[in-house]
Amino acid sequence: MNLLMATKSSNEVQNKAREKRTDREILLGSGGETKPRSSRNLKEIVAKYRKSKDASSPAASARNKRVQRQEKLEKISNDTEELEGRSEDYASLANEFLKKMEKRKWWQL
């Protein structure tokens, strides 16, 4: 009986191992060694990554990105200041309410 159970469990383990291998092969390909990508020549690389022939283009792009970041940071700063002001107003109202409630007796609530 134990031999039958041991054989059955080892068969299950082997089947699971086969399933894992097939899942891996599905995800990663044939499961063999991966081949290096075909080498590209200089013209293909330049054509893919070049945006324009103008040398000042990268500098202009960087400048535009910097201006956009600066605008976003200014907006965040303004939002932060507004939130800080609102929180201070809320805190002062809460303190006033607390003082008002401390002066009342329990039967006046």
C-alpha atoms as a PDB file:
ATOM      1  CA  MET A   1       0.000   0.000   0.000  1.00  0.00           C
ATOM      2  CA  ASN A   2       2.805   2.426   0.918  1.00  0.00           C
ATOM      3  CA  LEU A   3       4.642   1.565  -2.304  1.00  0.00           C
ATOM      4  CA  LEU A   4       1.532   2.458  -4.322  1.00  0.00           C
ATOM      5  CA  MET A   5       1.164   5.779  -2.493  1.00  0.00           C
ATOM      6  CA  ALA A   6       4.870   6.572  -2.876  1.00  0.00           C
ATOM      7  CA  THR A   7       4.704   5.824  -6.618  1.00  0.00           C
ATOM      8  CA  LYS A   8       1.579   7.933  -6.961  1.00  0.00           C
ATOM      9  CA  SER A   9       3.107  10.882  -5.102  1.00  0.00           C
ATOM     10  CA  SER A  10       6.347  10.680  -7.105  1.00  0.00           C
ATOM     11  CA  ASN A  11       4.308  10.643 -10.323  1.00  0.00           C
ATOM     12  CA  GLU A  12       2.457  13.737  -9.119  1.00  0.00           C
ATOM     13  CA  VAL A  13       5.755  15.467  -8.370  1.00  0.00           C
ATOM     14  CA  GLN A  14       7.090  14.595 -11.804  1.00  0.00           C
ATOM     15  CA  ASN A  15       3.905  15.838 -13.500  1.00  0.00           C
ATOM     16  CA  LYS A  16       4.107  19.132 -11.594  1.00  0.00           C
ATOM     17  CA  ALA A  17       7.750  19.502 -12.606  1.00  0.00           C
ATOM     18  CA  ARG A  18       6.774  18.954 -16.262  1.00  0.00           C
ATOM     19  CA  GLU A  19       3.982  21.538 -15.932  1.00  0.00           C
ATOM     20  CA  LYS A  20       6.416  24.065 -14.472  1.00  0.00           C
ATOM     21  CA  ARG A  21       8.839  23.480 -17.278  1.00  0.00           C
ATOM     22  CA  THR A  22       6.165  23.926 -19.905  1.00  0.00           C
ATOM     23  CA  ASP A  23       4.946  27.140 -18.217  1.00  0.00           C
ATOM     24  CA  ARG A  24       8.498  28.420 -18.185  1.00  0.00           C
ATOM     25  CA  GLU A  25       8.968  27.467 -21.793  1.00  0.00           C
ATOM     26  CA  ILE A  26       5.747  29.267 -22.667  1.00  0.00           C
ATOM     27  CA  LEU A  27       6.907  32.420 -20.883  1.00  0.00           C
ATOM     28  CA  LEU A  28      10.559  32.414 -21.869  1.00  0.00           C
ATOM     29  CA  GLY A  29      10.571  30.541 -25.135  1.00  0.00           C
ATOM     30  CA  SER A  30      12.086  27.194 -25.884  1.00  0.00           C
ATOM     31  CA  GLY A  31      13.938  26.975 -22.585  1.00  0.00           C
ATOM     32  CA  GLY A  32      17.317  26.712 -24.281  1.00  0.00           C
ATOM     33  CA  GLU A  33      20.099  29.203 -24.093  1.00  0.00           C
ATOM     34  CA  THR A  34      19.026  32.678 -25.093  1.00  0.00           C
ATOM     35  CA  LYS A  35      20.592  33.980 -28.253  1.00  0.00           C
ATOM     36  CA  PRO A  36      22.155  37.432 -28.286  1.00  0.00           C
ATOM     37  CA  ARG A  37      20.308  40.042 -30.283  1.00  0.00           C
ATOM     38  CA  SER A  38      21.591  40.565 -33.750  1.00  0.00           C
ATOM     39  CA  SER A  39      24.133  43.326 -33.804  1.00  0.00           C
ATOM     40  CA  ARG A  40      22.984  46.573 -35.327  1.00  0.00           C
ATOM     41  CA  ASN A  41      25.159  48.836 -37.295  1.00  0.00           C
ATOM     42  CA  LEU A  42      25.887  52.443 -36.445  1.00  0.00           C
ATOM     43  CA  LYS A  43      23.417  53.859 -38.968  1.00  0.00           C
ATOM     44  CA  GLU A  44      20.497  51.916 -37.465  1.00  0.00           C
ATOM     45  CA  ILE A  45      21.336  53.084 -33.949  1.00  0.00           C
ATOM     46  CA  VAL A  46      21.737  56.716 -34.988  1.00  0.00           C
ATOM     47  CA  ALA A  47      18.500  56.606 -36.987  1.00  0.00           C
ATOM     48  CA  LYS A  48      16.579  55.229 -34.013  1.00  0.00           C
ATOM     49  CA  TYR A  49      17.837  57.627 -31.348  1.00  0.00           C
ATOM     50  CA  ARG A  50      18.412  60.818 -33.318  1.00  0.00           C
ATOM     51  CA  LYS A  51      15.562  63.301 -33.069  1.00  0.00           C
ATOM     52  CA  SER A  52      16.923  65.964 -35.374  1.00  0.00           C
ATOM     53  CA  LYS A  53      20.119  67.010 -37.037  1.00  0.00           C
ATOM     54  CA  ASP A  54      20.319  70.237 -35.030  1.00  0.00           C
ATOM     55  CA  ALA A  55      22.881  70.115 -32.221  1.00  0.00           C
ATOM     56  CA  SER A  56      20.871  72.522 -30.052  1.00  0.00           C
ATOM     57  CA  SER A  57      17.830  70.257 -30.061  1.00  0.00           C
ATOM     58  CA  PRO A  58      18.873  68.236 -26.993  1.00  0.00           C
ATOM     59  CA  ALA A  59      19.602  71.441 -25.095  1.00  0.00           C
ATOM     60  CA  ALA A  60      16.211  72.899 -26.037  1.00  0.00           C
ATOM     61  CA  SER A  61      14.497  69.684 -25.003  1.00  0.00           C
ATOM     62  CA  ALA A  62      16.277  69.708 -21.647  1.00  0.00           C
ATOM     63  CA  ARG A  63      15.345  73.362 -21.142  1.00  0.00           C
ATOM     64  CA  ASN A  64      11.677  72.633 -21.871  1.00  0.00           C
ATOM     65  CA  LYS A  65      11.661  69.716 -19.446  1.00  0.00           C
ATOM     66  CA  ARG A  66      13.272  71.915 -16.784  1.00  0.00           C
ATOM     67  CA  VAL A  67      10.621  74.595 -17.243  1.00  0.00           C
ATOM     68  CA  GLN A  68       7.859  71.975 -16.992  1.00  0.00           C
ATOM     69  CA  ARG A  69       9.380  70.578 -13.778  1.00  0.00           C
ATOM     70  CA  GLN A  70       9.667  74.093 -12.353  1.00  0.00           C
ATOM     71  CA  GLU A  71       5.987  74.782 -13.115  1.00  0.00           C
ATOM     72  CA  LYS A  72       4.944  71.531 -11.451  1.00  0.00           C
ATOM     73  CA  LEU A  73       7.051  72.315  -8.374  1.00  0.00           C
ATOM     74  CA  GLU A  74       5.558  75.810  -8.129  1.00  0.00           C
ATOM     75  CA  LYS A  75       2.042  74.354  -8.313  1.00  0.00           C
ATOM     76  CA  ILE A  76       2.870  71.839  -5.597  1.00  0.00           C
ATOM     77  CA  SER A  77       4.367  74.616  -3.452  1.00  0.00           C
ATOM     78  CA  ASN A  78       1.238  76.766  -3.860  1.00  0.00           C
ATOM     79  CA  ASP A  79      -1.013  73.812  -3.024  1.00  0.00           C
ATOM     80  CA  THR A  80       1.102  73.088   0.052  1.00  0.00           C
ATOM     81  CA  GLU A  81       0.842  76.669   1.287  1.00  0.00           C
ATOM     82  CA  GLU A  82      -2.930  76.657   0.763  1.00  0.00           C
ATOM     83  CA  LEU A  83      -3.276  73.368   2.630  1.00  0.00           C
ATOM     84  CA  GLU A  84      -1.114  74.693   5.458  1.00  0.00           C
ATOM     85  CA  GLY A  85      -3.336  77.770   5.792  1.00  0.00           C
ATOM     86  CA  ARG A  86      -6.472  75.652   5.829  1.00  0.00           C
ATOM     87  CA  SER A  87      -5.022  73.346   8.468  1.00  0.00           C
ATOM     88  CA  GLU A  88      -4.100  76.310  10.694  1.00  0.00           C
ATOM     89  CA  ASP A  89      -7.661  77.671  10.358  1.00  0.00           C
ATOM     90  CA  TYR A  90      -9.077  74.276  11.258  1.00  0.00           C
ATOM     91  CA  ALA A  91      -6.770  73.965  14.269  1.00  0.00           C
ATOM     92  CA  SER A  92      -7.786  77.394  15.584  1.00  0.00           C
ATOM     93  CA  LEU A  93     -11.497  76.567  15.160  1.00  0.00           C
ATOM     94  CA  ALA A  94     -10.978  73.265  16.951  1.00  0.00           C
ATOM     95  CA  ASN A  95      -9.222  75.029  19.845  1.00  0.00           C
ATOM     96  CA  GLU A  96     -12.025  77.606  20.123  1.00  0.00           C
ATOM     97  CA  PHE A  97     -14.616  74.847  20.159  1.00  0.00           C
ATOM     98  CA  LEU A  98     -12.661  72.947  22.808  1.00  0.00           C
ATOM     99  CA  LYS A  99     -12.446  76.017  25.065  1.00  0.00           C
ATOM    100  CA  LYS A 100     -16.145  76.664  24.590  1.00  0.00           C
ATOM    101  CA  MET A 101     -17.031  73.075  25.485  1.00  0.00           C
ATOM    102  CA  GLU A 102     -14.727  73.062  28.541  1.00  0.00           C
ATOM    103  CA  LYS A 103     -16.689  75.956  30.059  1.00  0.00           C
ATOM    104  CA  ARG A 104     -19.981  74.076  29.741  1.00  0.00           C
ATOM    105  CA  LYS A 105     -21.196  71.648  32.350  1.00  0.00           C
ATOM    106  CA  TRP A 106     -22.234  68.130  31.517  1.00  0.00           C
ATOM    107  CA  TRP A 107     -25.963  68.935  31.967  1.00  0.00           C
ATOM    108  CA  GLN A 108     -25.762  71.813  29.492  1.00  0.00           C
ATOM    109  CA  LEU A 109     -24.723  69.559  26.628  1.00  0.00           C
END
